[in-house]
Amino acid sequence: MRDTDLYTRILGIEAPWQVSAVKVEMTKKEIVVQVERKPGEKLCCRTCGKELSGYDTRR
């Protein structure tokens, strides 16, 4: 099982999201998990259910 698959299951990540990278920082004792929206997938407002096109790329 790949790291991305493992962390997808551990964290319960579901579509439209996906774990795109996992980086182990042994010296810092950290695991960095990068989560991204699957390309082309639409997002829905949790309040009204309206379909949105996610465009925010904050890190």
PDB file of N, CA and C in Angstrom:
ATOM      1  N   MET A   1       0.850  -1.178   0.000  1.00  0.00           N
ATOM      2  CA  MET A   1       0.000   0.000   0.000  1.00  0.00           C
ATOM      3  C   MET A   1       0.898   1.245   0.000  1.00  0.00           C
ATOM      4  N   ARG A   2       0.600   2.177  -0.870  1.00  0.00           N
ATOM      5  CA  ARG A   2       1.373   3.418  -0.939  1.00  0.00           C
ATOM      6  C   ARG A   2       1.051   4.309   0.259  1.00  0.00           C
ATOM      7  N   ASP A   3       1.990   5.208   0.602  1.00  0.00           N
ATOM      8  CA  ASP A   3       1.773   6.141   1.710  1.00  0.00           C
ATOM      9  C   ASP A   3       0.512   6.969   1.502  1.00  0.00           C
ATOM     10  N   THR A   4       0.281   7.431   0.266  1.00  0.00           N
ATOM     11  CA  THR A   4      -0.898   8.266   0.019  1.00  0.00           C
ATOM     12  C   THR A   4      -2.185   7.486   0.274  1.00  0.00           C
ATOM     13  N   ASP A   5      -2.216   6.218  -0.108  1.00  0.00           N
ATOM     14  CA  ASP A   5      -3.394   5.382   0.148  1.00  0.00           C
ATOM     15  C   ASP A   5      -3.583   5.149   1.645  1.00  0.00           C
ATOM     16  N   LEU A   6      -2.491   4.885   2.337  1.00  0.00           N
ATOM     17  CA  LEU A   6      -2.546   4.640   3.773  1.00  0.00           C
ATOM     18  C   LEU A   6      -3.104   5.850   4.513  1.00  0.00           C
ATOM     19  N   TYR A   7      -2.583   7.033   4.224  1.00  0.00           N
ATOM     20  CA  TYR A   7      -3.036   8.234   4.927  1.00  0.00           C
ATOM     21  C   TYR A   7      -4.428   8.665   4.495  1.00  0.00           C
ATOM     22  N   THR A   8      -4.833   8.335   3.288  1.00  0.00           N
ATOM     23  CA  THR A   8      -6.215   8.577   2.871  1.00  0.00           C
ATOM     24  C   THR A   8      -7.156   7.802   3.784  1.00  0.00           C
ATOM     25  N   ARG A   9      -6.821   6.561   4.062  1.00  0.00           N
ATOM     26  CA  ARG A   9      -7.658   5.722   4.936  1.00  0.00           C
ATOM     27  C   ARG A   9      -7.585   6.163   6.393  1.00  0.00           C
ATOM     28  N   ILE A  10      -6.370   6.433   6.876  1.00  0.00           N
ATOM     29  CA  ILE A  10      -6.198   6.835   8.276  1.00  0.00           C
ATOM     30  C   ILE A  10      -6.976   8.113   8.578  1.00  0.00           C
ATOM     31  N   LEU A  11      -6.900   9.091   7.663  1.00  0.00           N
ATOM     32  CA  LEU A  11      -7.524  10.395   7.883  1.00  0.00           C
ATOM     33  C   LEU A  11      -8.973  10.456   7.417  1.00  0.00           C
ATOM     34  N   GLY A  12      -9.448   9.419   6.752  1.00  0.00           N
ATOM     35  CA  GLY A  12     -10.833   9.399   6.285  1.00  0.00           C
ATOM     36  C   GLY A  12     -11.106  10.406   5.176  1.00  0.00           C
ATOM     37  N   ILE A  13     -10.120  10.643   4.315  1.00  0.00           N
ATOM     38  CA  ILE A  13     -10.262  11.601   3.222  1.00  0.00           C
ATOM     39  C   ILE A  13     -11.185  11.008   2.163  1.00  0.00           C
ATOM     40  N   GLU A  14     -12.163  11.802   1.718  1.00  0.00           N
ATOM     41  CA  GLU A  14     -13.126  11.348   0.714  1.00  0.00           C
ATOM     42  C   GLU A  14     -13.196  12.345  -0.433  1.00  0.00           C
ATOM     43  N   ALA A  15     -13.713  11.883  -1.578  1.00  0.00           N
ATOM     44  CA  ALA A  15     -13.890  12.748  -2.747  1.00  0.00           C
ATOM     45  C   ALA A  15     -14.729  13.965  -2.343  1.00  0.00           C
ATOM     46  N   PRO A  16     -14.392  15.121  -2.845  1.00  0.00           N
ATOM     47  CA  PRO A  16     -13.511  15.396  -3.967  1.00  0.00           C
ATOM     48  C   PRO A  16     -12.050  15.592  -3.566  1.00  0.00           C
ATOM     49  N   TRP A  17     -11.667  15.195  -2.370  1.00  0.00           N
ATOM     50  CA  TRP A  17     -10.309  15.414  -1.875  1.00  0.00           C
ATOM     51  C   TRP A  17      -9.469  14.160  -2.041  1.00  0.00           C
ATOM     52  N   GLN A  18      -8.140  14.359  -2.105  1.00  0.00           N
ATOM     53  CA  GLN A  18      -7.225  13.225  -2.193  1.00  0.00           C
ATOM     54  C   GLN A  18      -5.906  13.598  -1.529  1.00  0.00           C
ATOM     55  N   VAL A  19      -5.250  12.618  -0.937  1.00  0.00           N
ATOM     56  CA  VAL A  19      -3.908  12.823  -0.393  1.00  0.00           C
ATOM     57  C   VAL A  19      -2.959  12.756  -1.580  1.00  0.00           C
ATOM     58  N   SER A  20      -2.251  13.863  -1.838  1.00  0.00           N
ATOM     59  CA  SER A  20      -1.381  13.919  -3.015  1.00  0.00           C
ATOM     60  C   SER A  20       0.082  13.664  -2.677  1.00  0.00           C
ATOM     61  N   ALA A  21       0.459  13.835  -1.415  1.00  0.00           N
ATOM     62  CA  ALA A  21       1.856  13.605  -1.033  1.00  0.00           C
ATOM     63  C   ALA A  21       1.960  13.386   0.468  1.00  0.00           C
ATOM     64  N   VAL A  22       2.930  12.575   0.852  1.00  0.00           N
ATOM     65  CA  VAL A  22       3.250  12.345   2.260  1.00  0.00           C
ATOM     66  C   VAL A  22       4.756  12.472   2.394  1.00  0.00           C
ATOM     67  N   LYS A  23       5.184  13.309   3.331  1.00  0.00           N
ATOM     68  CA  LYS A  23       6.620  13.529   3.537  1.00  0.00           C
ATOM     69  C   LYS A  23       6.934  13.299   5.014  1.00  0.00           C
ATOM     70  N   VAL A  24       7.874  12.411   5.283  1.00  0.00           N
ATOM     71  CA  VAL A  24       8.284  12.117   6.656  1.00  0.00           C
ATOM     72  C   VAL A  24       9.524  12.947   6.976  1.00  0.00           C
ATOM     73  N   GLU A  25       9.416  13.786   8.004  1.00  0.00           N
ATOM     74  CA  GLU A  25      10.516  14.640   8.463  1.00  0.00           C
ATOM     75  C   GLU A  25      11.061  14.032   9.755  1.00  0.00           C
ATOM     76  N   MET A  26      11.997  13.098   9.636  1.00  0.00           N
ATOM     77  CA  MET A  26      12.515  12.384  10.805  1.00  0.00           C
ATOM     78  C   MET A  26      13.188  13.319  11.808  1.00  0.00           C
ATOM     79  N   THR A  27      13.952  14.297  11.337  1.00  0.00           N
ATOM     80  CA  THR A  27      14.658  15.191  12.263  1.00  0.00           C
ATOM     81  C   THR A  27      13.693  16.062  13.051  1.00  0.00           C
ATOM     82  N   LYS A  28      12.551  16.403  12.458  1.00  0.00           N
ATOM     83  CA  LYS A  28      11.541  17.222  13.135  1.00  0.00           C
ATOM     84  C   LYS A  28      10.487  16.364  13.840  1.00  0.00           C
ATOM     85  N   LYS A  29      10.546  15.055  13.614  1.00  0.00           N
ATOM     86  CA  LYS A  29       9.541  14.122  14.144  1.00  0.00           C
ATOM     87  C   LYS A  29       8.135  14.522  13.681  1.00  0.00           C
ATOM     88  N   GLU A  30       8.030  14.785  12.376  1.00  0.00           N
ATOM     89  CA  GLU A  30       6.768  15.209  11.776  1.00  0.00           C
ATOM     90  C   GLU A  30       6.456  14.379  10.535  1.00  0.00           C
ATOM     91  N   ILE A  31       5.175  14.288  10.251  1.00  0.00           N
ATOM     92  CA  ILE A  31       4.711  13.732   8.989  1.00  0.00           C
ATOM     93  C   ILE A  31       3.838  14.805   8.354  1.00  0.00           C
ATOM     94  N   VAL A  32       4.196  15.224   7.144  1.00  0.00           N
ATOM     95  CA  VAL A  32       3.453  16.253   6.428  1.00  0.00           C
ATOM     96  C   VAL A  32       2.600  15.556   5.369  1.00  0.00           C
ATOM     97  N   VAL A  33       1.282  15.761   5.458  1.00  0.00           N
ATOM     98  CA  VAL A  33       0.354  15.144   4.516  1.00  0.00           C
ATOM     99  C   VAL A  33      -0.284  16.258   3.693  1.00  0.00           C
ATOM    100  N   GLN A  34      -0.092  16.214   2.372  1.00  0.00           N
ATOM    101  CA  GLN A  34      -0.662  17.226   1.485  1.00  0.00           C
ATOM    102  C   GLN A  34      -1.970  16.699   0.924  1.00  0.00           C
ATOM    103  N   VAL A  35      -3.043  17.494   1.094  1.00  0.00           N
ATOM    104  CA  VAL A  35      -4.372  17.118   0.619  1.00  0.00           C
ATOM    105  C   VAL A  35      -4.799  18.123  -0.442  1.00  0.00           C
ATOM    106  N   GLU A  36      -5.259  17.619  -1.580  1.00  0.00           N
ATOM    107  CA  GLU A  36      -5.697  18.475  -2.681  1.00  0.00           C
ATOM    108  C   GLU A  36      -7.049  18.008  -3.197  1.00  0.00           C
ATOM    109  N   ARG A  37      -7.725  18.920  -3.870  1.00  0.00           N
ATOM    110  CA  ARG A  37      -8.985  18.579  -4.521  1.00  0.00           C
ATOM    111  C   ARG A  37      -8.659  17.883  -5.836  1.00  0.00           C
ATOM    112  N   LYS A  38      -9.374  16.822  -6.138  1.00  0.00           N
ATOM    113  CA  LYS A  38      -9.149  16.114  -7.402  1.00  0.00           C
ATOM    114  C   LYS A  38      -9.422  17.072  -8.558  1.00  0.00           C
ATOM    115  N   PRO A  39      -8.573  17.071  -9.589  1.00  0.00           N
ATOM    116  CA  PRO A  39      -8.753  17.978 -10.726  1.00  0.00           C
ATOM    117  C   PRO A  39     -10.135  17.827 -11.359  1.00  0.00           C
ATOM    118  N   GLY A  40     -10.788  18.957 -11.592  1.00  0.00           N
ATOM    119  CA  GLY A  40     -12.087  18.955 -12.248  1.00  0.00           C
ATOM    120  C   GLY A  40     -13.275  18.701 -11.341  1.00  0.00           C
ATOM    121  N   GLU A  41     -13.029  18.312 -10.095  1.00  0.00           N
ATOM    122  CA  GLU A  41     -14.129  18.035  -9.164  1.00  0.00           C
ATOM    123  C   GLU A  41     -14.723  19.342  -8.653  1.00  0.00           C
ATOM    124  N   LYS A  42     -16.036  19.405  -8.571  1.00  0.00           N
ATOM    125  CA  LYS A  42     -16.729  20.579  -8.053  1.00  0.00           C
ATOM    126  C   LYS A  42     -16.896  20.440  -6.544  1.00  0.00           C
ATOM    127  N   LEU A  43     -17.048  21.571  -5.891  1.00  0.00           N
ATOM    128  CA  LEU A  43     -17.303  21.606  -4.458  1.00  0.00           C
ATOM    129  C   LEU A  43     -18.740  22.046  -4.236  1.00  0.00           C
ATOM    130  N   CYS A  44     -19.321  21.661  -3.115  1.00  0.00           N
ATOM    131  CA  CYS A  44     -20.680  22.077  -2.782  1.00  0.00           C
ATOM    132  C   CYS A  44     -20.673  22.838  -1.466  1.00  0.00           C
ATOM    133  N   CYS A  45     -21.470  23.910  -1.418  1.00  0.00           N
ATOM    134  CA  CYS A  45     -21.634  24.685  -0.192  1.00  0.00           C
ATOM    135  C   CYS A  45     -22.331  23.800   0.840  1.00  0.00           C
ATOM    136  N   ARG A  46     -21.777  23.736   2.041  1.00  0.00           N
ATOM    137  CA  ARG A  46     -22.382  22.891   3.086  1.00  0.00           C
ATOM    138  C   ARG A  46     -23.686  23.478   3.605  1.00  0.00           C
ATOM    139  N   THR A  47     -23.895  24.782   3.412  1.00  0.00           N
ATOM    140  CA  THR A  47     -25.102  25.431   3.908  1.00  0.00           C
ATOM    141  C   THR A  47     -26.271  25.276   2.938  1.00  0.00           C
ATOM    142  N   CYS A  48     -26.046  25.658   1.662  1.00  0.00           N
ATOM    143  CA  CYS A  48     -27.152  25.667   0.698  1.00  0.00           C
ATOM    144  C   CYS A  48     -27.069  24.565  -0.353  1.00  0.00           C
ATOM    145  N   GLY A  49     -25.932  23.871  -0.454  1.00  0.00           N
ATOM    146  CA  GLY A  49     -25.778  22.798  -1.427  1.00  0.00           C
ATOM    147  C   GLY A  49     -25.424  23.263  -2.827  1.00  0.00           C
ATOM    148  N   LYS A  50     -25.248  24.587  -3.021  1.00  0.00           N
ATOM    149  CA  LYS A  50     -24.907  25.136  -4.336  1.00  0.00           C
ATOM    150  C   LYS A  50     -23.531  24.636  -4.771  1.00  0.00           C
ATOM    151  N   GLU A  51     -23.429  24.267  -6.057  1.00  0.00           N
ATOM    152  CA  GLU A  51     -22.157  23.796  -6.600  1.00  0.00           C
ATOM    153  C   GLU A  51     -21.222  24.980  -6.814  1.00  0.00           C
ATOM    154  N   LEU A  52     -19.969  24.819  -6.396  1.00  0.00           N
ATOM    155  CA  LEU A  52     -18.965  25.873  -6.495  1.00  0.00           C
ATOM    156  C   LEU A  52     -17.760  25.347  -7.247  1.00  0.00           C
ATOM    157  N   SER A  53     -16.973  26.272  -7.785  1.00  0.00           N
ATOM    158  CA  SER A  53     -15.749  25.862  -8.477  1.00  0.00           C
ATOM    159  C   SER A  53     -14.560  26.184  -7.599  1.00  0.00           C
ATOM    160  N   GLY A  54     -14.059  25.479  -6.707  1.00  0.00           N
ATOM    161  CA  GLY A  54     -12.989  25.907  -5.810  1.00  0.00           C
ATOM    162  C   GLY A  54     -11.830  26.583  -6.516  1.00  0.00           C
ATOM    163  N   TYR A  55     -11.452  27.749  -6.076  1.00  0.00           N
ATOM    164  CA  TYR A  55     -10.349  28.458  -6.713  1.00  0.00           C
ATOM    165  C   TYR A  55      -9.319  28.942  -5.721  1.00  0.00           C
ATOM    166  N   ASP A  56      -9.524  28.788  -4.454  1.00  0.00           N
ATOM    167  CA  ASP A  56      -8.607  29.253  -3.417  1.00  0.00           C
ATOM    168  C   ASP A  56      -7.421  28.294  -3.333  1.00  0.00           C
ATOM    169  N   THR A  57      -6.212  28.821  -3.395  1.00  0.00           N
ATOM    170  CA  THR A  57      -5.024  27.965  -3.358  1.00  0.00           C
ATOM    171  C   THR A  57      -4.122  28.292  -2.185  1.00  0.00           C
ATOM    172  N   ARG A  58      -4.719  28.635  -1.057  1.00  0.00           N
ATOM    173  CA  ARG A  58      -3.913  28.924   0.137  1.00  0.00           C
ATOM    174  C   ARG A  58      -3.165  27.688   0.571  1.00  0.00           C
ATOM    175  N   ARG A  59      -2.018  27.904   1.221  1.00  0.00           N
ATOM    176  CA  ARG A  59      -1.244  26.797   1.786  1.00  0.00           C
ATOM    177  C   ARG A  59      -1.055  27.041   3.250  1.00  0.00           C
TER     178      ARG A  59
END
